[in-house]
């Protein structure tokens, strides 16, 4: 499963991981910097991967996302569920 979502995994672990402050304090700030750093291929891959995961039922989506995040990120402290976090990220792309 992880191989299917490499770009999304990188976003979670690197940009929203323990050192997220390097990229910003909010989802909007972090995604602004993500768009500046990553190329169009990565942005397209991320859009596709998020769309794919959002098609899953909530329980399955939560399980997949928790696995991808590798305990480096959780949406709860940010005031999001996994689904609402992905929708927010998607809206910034």
N, C-alpha and C. Protein backbone atom coordinates (compact mmCIF):
# COMPACT_ATOMS: atom_id res chain seq x y z
N UNK A 1 0.83 -1.20 0.00
CA UNK A 1 0.00 0.00 0.00
C UNK A 1 0.87 1.26 0.00
N UNK A 2 1.95 1.24 0.76
CA UNK A 2 2.82 2.41 0.87
C UNK A 2 3.37 2.85 -0.49
N UNK A 3 3.70 1.88 -1.35
CA UNK A 3 4.26 2.21 -2.66
C UNK A 3 3.26 2.96 -3.54
N UNK A 4 1.97 2.72 -3.31
CA UNK A 4 0.94 3.39 -4.09
C UNK A 4 0.83 4.88 -3.74
N UNK A 5 1.30 5.23 -2.56
CA UNK A 5 1.10 6.59 -2.05
C UNK A 5 2.40 7.23 -1.58
N UNK A 6 3.47 7.05 -2.34
CA UNK A 6 4.78 7.57 -1.93
C UNK A 6 4.79 9.09 -1.78
N UNK A 7 4.15 9.80 -2.68
CA UNK A 7 4.15 11.26 -2.61
C UNK A 7 3.37 11.74 -1.39
N UNK A 8 2.25 11.14 -1.12
CA UNK A 8 1.46 11.50 0.05
C UNK A 8 2.21 11.17 1.33
N UNK A 9 2.86 10.03 1.36
CA UNK A 9 3.66 9.64 2.52
C UNK A 9 4.75 10.67 2.79
N UNK A 10 5.43 11.11 1.73
CA UNK A 10 6.49 12.12 1.88
C UNK A 10 5.91 13.41 2.45
N UNK A 11 4.76 13.83 1.95
CA UNK A 11 4.13 15.04 2.47
C UNK A 11 3.89 14.91 3.97
N UNK A 12 3.35 13.79 4.40
CA UNK A 12 3.03 13.59 5.81
C UNK A 12 4.27 13.55 6.68
N UNK A 13 5.23 12.75 6.29
CA UNK A 13 6.40 12.49 7.13
C UNK A 13 7.39 13.65 7.12
N UNK A 14 7.59 14.26 5.96
CA UNK A 14 8.59 15.33 5.84
C UNK A 14 7.97 16.69 6.16
N UNK A 15 6.91 17.05 5.46
CA UNK A 15 6.37 18.41 5.57
C UNK A 15 5.48 18.60 6.80
N UNK A 16 4.79 17.55 7.24
CA UNK A 16 3.92 17.65 8.42
C UNK A 16 4.45 16.83 9.59
N UNK A 17 5.66 16.33 9.49
CA UNK A 17 6.26 15.54 10.55
C UNK A 17 6.71 16.39 11.72
N UNK A 18 7.53 15.83 12.60
CA UNK A 18 7.96 16.52 13.82
C UNK A 18 8.62 17.89 13.58
N UNK A 19 9.25 18.08 12.45
CA UNK A 19 9.92 19.35 12.16
C UNK A 19 9.11 20.24 11.22
N UNK A 20 7.79 20.12 11.28
CA UNK A 20 6.93 20.85 10.34
C UNK A 20 7.14 22.36 10.39
N UNK A 21 7.61 22.89 11.54
CA UNK A 21 7.79 24.34 11.68
C UNK A 21 8.75 24.91 10.63
N UNK A 22 9.62 24.05 10.10
CA UNK A 22 10.54 24.51 9.05
C UNK A 22 9.77 24.98 7.81
N UNK A 23 8.55 24.46 7.64
CA UNK A 23 7.76 24.74 6.45
C UNK A 23 6.58 25.67 6.71
N UNK A 24 6.28 25.93 7.96
CA UNK A 24 5.16 26.81 8.30
C UNK A 24 4.45 26.36 9.55
N UNK A 25 3.49 27.16 9.97
CA UNK A 25 2.73 26.88 11.19
C UNK A 25 1.31 26.39 10.91
N UNK A 26 0.83 26.60 9.70
CA UNK A 26 -0.53 26.20 9.35
C UNK A 26 -0.49 25.30 8.11
N UNK A 27 -1.59 24.63 7.86
CA UNK A 27 -1.67 23.80 6.65
C UNK A 27 -1.44 24.67 5.42
N UNK A 28 -2.04 25.84 5.38
CA UNK A 28 -1.87 26.72 4.22
C UNK A 28 -0.42 27.12 4.02
N UNK A 29 0.27 27.49 5.09
CA UNK A 29 1.68 27.89 4.98
C UNK A 29 2.55 26.71 4.54
N UNK A 30 2.31 25.56 5.13
CA UNK A 30 3.11 24.38 4.78
C UNK A 30 2.88 24.00 3.33
N UNK A 31 1.63 24.03 2.90
CA UNK A 31 1.34 23.67 1.51
C UNK A 31 1.88 24.71 0.54
N UNK A 32 1.91 25.97 0.93
CA UNK A 32 2.52 27.00 0.09
C UNK A 32 3.99 26.66 -0.15
N UNK A 33 4.68 26.29 0.91
CA UNK A 33 6.10 25.93 0.77
C UNK A 33 6.28 24.61 0.04
N UNK A 34 5.37 23.67 0.25
CA UNK A 34 5.42 22.41 -0.49
C UNK A 34 5.34 22.68 -1.99
N UNK A 35 4.41 23.53 -2.39
CA UNK A 35 4.25 23.86 -3.82
C UNK A 35 5.48 24.56 -4.38
N UNK A 36 6.15 25.34 -3.57
CA UNK A 36 7.37 26.02 -4.02
C UNK A 36 8.54 25.04 -4.18
N UNK A 37 8.59 24.02 -3.33
CA UNK A 37 9.71 23.09 -3.31
C UNK A 37 9.54 21.96 -4.33
N UNK A 38 8.34 21.41 -4.41
CA UNK A 38 8.10 20.24 -5.25
C UNK A 38 7.80 20.65 -6.70
N UNK A 39 8.03 19.71 -7.62
CA UNK A 39 7.78 19.97 -9.04
C UNK A 39 6.34 19.59 -9.43
N UNK A 40 5.99 19.87 -10.66
CA UNK A 40 4.63 19.61 -11.14
C UNK A 40 4.27 18.13 -11.12
N UNK A 41 5.24 17.28 -11.35
CA UNK A 41 4.97 15.83 -11.31
C UNK A 41 4.55 15.42 -9.91
N UNK A 42 5.26 15.90 -8.90
CA UNK A 42 4.92 15.59 -7.52
C UNK A 42 3.54 16.15 -7.16
N UNK A 43 3.25 17.36 -7.60
CA UNK A 43 1.94 17.95 -7.32
C UNK A 43 0.82 17.15 -7.97
N UNK A 44 1.03 16.73 -9.20
CA UNK A 44 0.05 15.91 -9.90
C UNK A 44 -0.13 14.56 -9.21
N UNK A 45 0.97 13.94 -8.83
CA UNK A 45 0.90 12.67 -8.10
C UNK A 45 0.13 12.83 -6.80
N UNK A 46 0.41 13.91 -6.08
CA UNK A 46 -0.28 14.14 -4.81
C UNK A 46 -1.78 14.32 -5.03
N UNK A 47 -2.15 15.10 -6.03
CA UNK A 47 -3.58 15.28 -6.34
C UNK A 47 -4.26 13.93 -6.60
N UNK A 48 -3.62 13.11 -7.43
CA UNK A 48 -4.19 11.80 -7.78
C UNK A 48 -4.26 10.88 -6.57
N UNK A 49 -3.22 10.87 -5.75
CA UNK A 49 -3.20 10.00 -4.58
C UNK A 49 -4.26 10.42 -3.56
N UNK A 50 -4.42 11.72 -3.36
CA UNK A 50 -5.45 12.19 -2.43
C UNK A 50 -6.84 11.83 -2.96
N UNK A 51 -7.08 12.04 -4.23
CA UNK A 51 -8.39 11.69 -4.81
C UNK A 51 -8.68 10.21 -4.63
N UNK A 52 -7.67 9.38 -4.85
CA UNK A 52 -7.82 7.94 -4.69
C UNK A 52 -8.17 7.58 -3.25
N UNK A 53 -7.44 8.12 -2.31
CA UNK A 53 -7.67 7.78 -0.90
C UNK A 53 -9.02 8.32 -0.42
N UNK A 54 -9.42 9.49 -0.90
CA UNK A 54 -10.70 10.05 -0.48
C UNK A 54 -11.89 9.21 -0.95
N UNK A 55 -11.67 8.33 -1.91
CA UNK A 55 -12.75 7.46 -2.38
C UNK A 55 -12.99 6.28 -1.43
N UNK A 56 -12.10 6.09 -0.47
CA UNK A 56 -12.22 4.98 0.47
C UNK A 56 -13.23 5.31 1.57
N UNK A 57 -13.88 4.28 2.14
CA UNK A 57 -14.72 4.51 3.33
C UNK A 57 -13.85 5.01 4.48
N UNK A 58 -14.45 5.75 5.41
CA UNK A 58 -13.70 6.38 6.49
C UNK A 58 -12.79 5.42 7.26
N UNK A 59 -13.30 4.27 7.64
CA UNK A 59 -12.49 3.34 8.43
C UNK A 59 -11.24 2.90 7.67
N UNK A 60 -11.41 2.60 6.40
CA UNK A 60 -10.26 2.19 5.58
C UNK A 60 -9.32 3.36 5.34
N UNK A 61 -9.87 4.53 5.08
CA UNK A 61 -9.07 5.74 4.88
C UNK A 61 -8.21 6.00 6.12
N UNK A 62 -8.82 5.93 7.30
CA UNK A 62 -8.08 6.16 8.55
C UNK A 62 -6.95 5.17 8.72
N UNK A 63 -7.21 3.92 8.41
CA UNK A 63 -6.19 2.88 8.55
C UNK A 63 -5.02 3.12 7.59
N UNK A 64 -5.33 3.40 6.34
CA UNK A 64 -4.28 3.65 5.33
C UNK A 64 -3.46 4.87 5.72
N UNK A 65 -4.13 5.95 6.09
CA UNK A 65 -3.43 7.19 6.42
C UNK A 65 -2.56 7.04 7.67
N UNK A 66 -3.06 6.35 8.67
CA UNK A 66 -2.26 6.13 9.88
C UNK A 66 -1.00 5.34 9.55
N UNK A 67 -1.12 4.37 8.67
CA UNK A 67 0.05 3.61 8.25
C UNK A 67 1.04 4.45 7.47
N UNK A 68 0.54 5.29 6.58
CA UNK A 68 1.42 6.15 5.79
C UNK A 68 2.14 7.17 6.66
N UNK A 69 1.48 7.66 7.69
CA UNK A 69 2.05 8.71 8.55
C UNK A 69 3.15 8.18 9.47
N UNK A 70 3.21 6.88 9.66
CA UNK A 70 4.27 6.26 10.46
C UNK A 70 4.46 6.92 11.83
N UNK A 71 3.37 7.29 12.48
CA UNK A 71 3.42 7.96 13.79
C UNK A 71 4.19 9.27 13.77
N UNK A 72 4.38 9.85 12.59
CA UNK A 72 5.07 11.13 12.46
C UNK A 72 4.08 12.30 12.40
N UNK A 73 2.82 12.00 12.14
CA UNK A 73 1.80 13.03 12.01
C UNK A 73 0.44 12.44 12.36
N UNK A 74 -0.36 13.25 13.02
CA UNK A 74 -1.76 12.93 13.27
C UNK A 74 -2.57 14.19 13.03
N UNK A 75 -3.71 14.09 12.37
CA UNK A 75 -4.49 15.29 12.09
C UNK A 75 -5.23 15.84 13.31
N UNK A 76 -5.41 15.01 14.34
CA UNK A 76 -6.20 15.42 15.51
C UNK A 76 -5.72 16.72 16.16
N UNK A 77 -4.43 16.86 16.47
CA UNK A 77 -3.99 18.11 17.11
C UNK A 77 -4.19 19.35 16.23
N UNK A 78 -4.35 19.14 14.96
CA UNK A 78 -4.56 20.25 14.02
C UNK A 78 -6.05 20.57 13.87
N UNK A 79 -6.90 19.79 14.54
CA UNK A 79 -8.34 20.01 14.46
C UNK A 79 -9.01 19.37 13.26
N UNK A 80 -8.37 18.34 12.71
CA UNK A 80 -8.88 17.67 11.52
C UNK A 80 -9.08 16.18 11.78
N UNK A 81 -9.94 15.58 10.98
CA UNK A 81 -9.96 14.13 10.82
C UNK A 81 -9.03 13.84 9.64
N UNK A 82 -8.75 12.58 9.38
CA UNK A 82 -7.94 12.28 8.19
C UNK A 82 -8.62 12.80 6.93
N UNK A 83 -9.93 12.59 6.84
CA UNK A 83 -10.66 13.02 5.63
C UNK A 83 -10.63 14.55 5.49
N UNK A 84 -10.91 15.26 6.56
CA UNK A 84 -10.94 16.73 6.45
C UNK A 84 -9.54 17.29 6.22
N UNK A 85 -8.52 16.64 6.76
CA UNK A 85 -7.14 17.06 6.49
C UNK A 85 -6.82 16.91 5.00
N UNK A 86 -7.15 15.76 4.44
CA UNK A 86 -6.89 15.53 3.01
C UNK A 86 -7.67 16.50 2.14
N UNK A 87 -8.90 16.78 2.52
CA UNK A 87 -9.70 17.74 1.76
C UNK A 87 -9.08 19.13 1.83
N UNK A 88 -8.56 19.51 2.99
CA UNK A 88 -7.89 20.80 3.13
C UNK A 88 -6.65 20.86 2.26
N UNK A 89 -5.82 19.82 2.33
CA UNK A 89 -4.61 19.78 1.51
C UNK A 89 -5.00 19.85 0.03
N UNK A 90 -5.99 19.07 -0.35
CA UNK A 90 -6.44 19.05 -1.75
C UNK A 90 -6.88 20.45 -2.20
N UNK A 91 -7.52 21.18 -1.32
CA UNK A 91 -8.01 22.52 -1.69
C UNK A 91 -6.86 23.51 -1.92
N UNK A 92 -5.69 23.21 -1.40
CA UNK A 92 -4.54 24.11 -1.57
C UNK A 92 -3.75 23.81 -2.84
N UNK A 93 -4.07 22.69 -3.48
CA UNK A 93 -3.34 22.30 -4.68
C UNK A 93 -3.99 22.91 -5.90
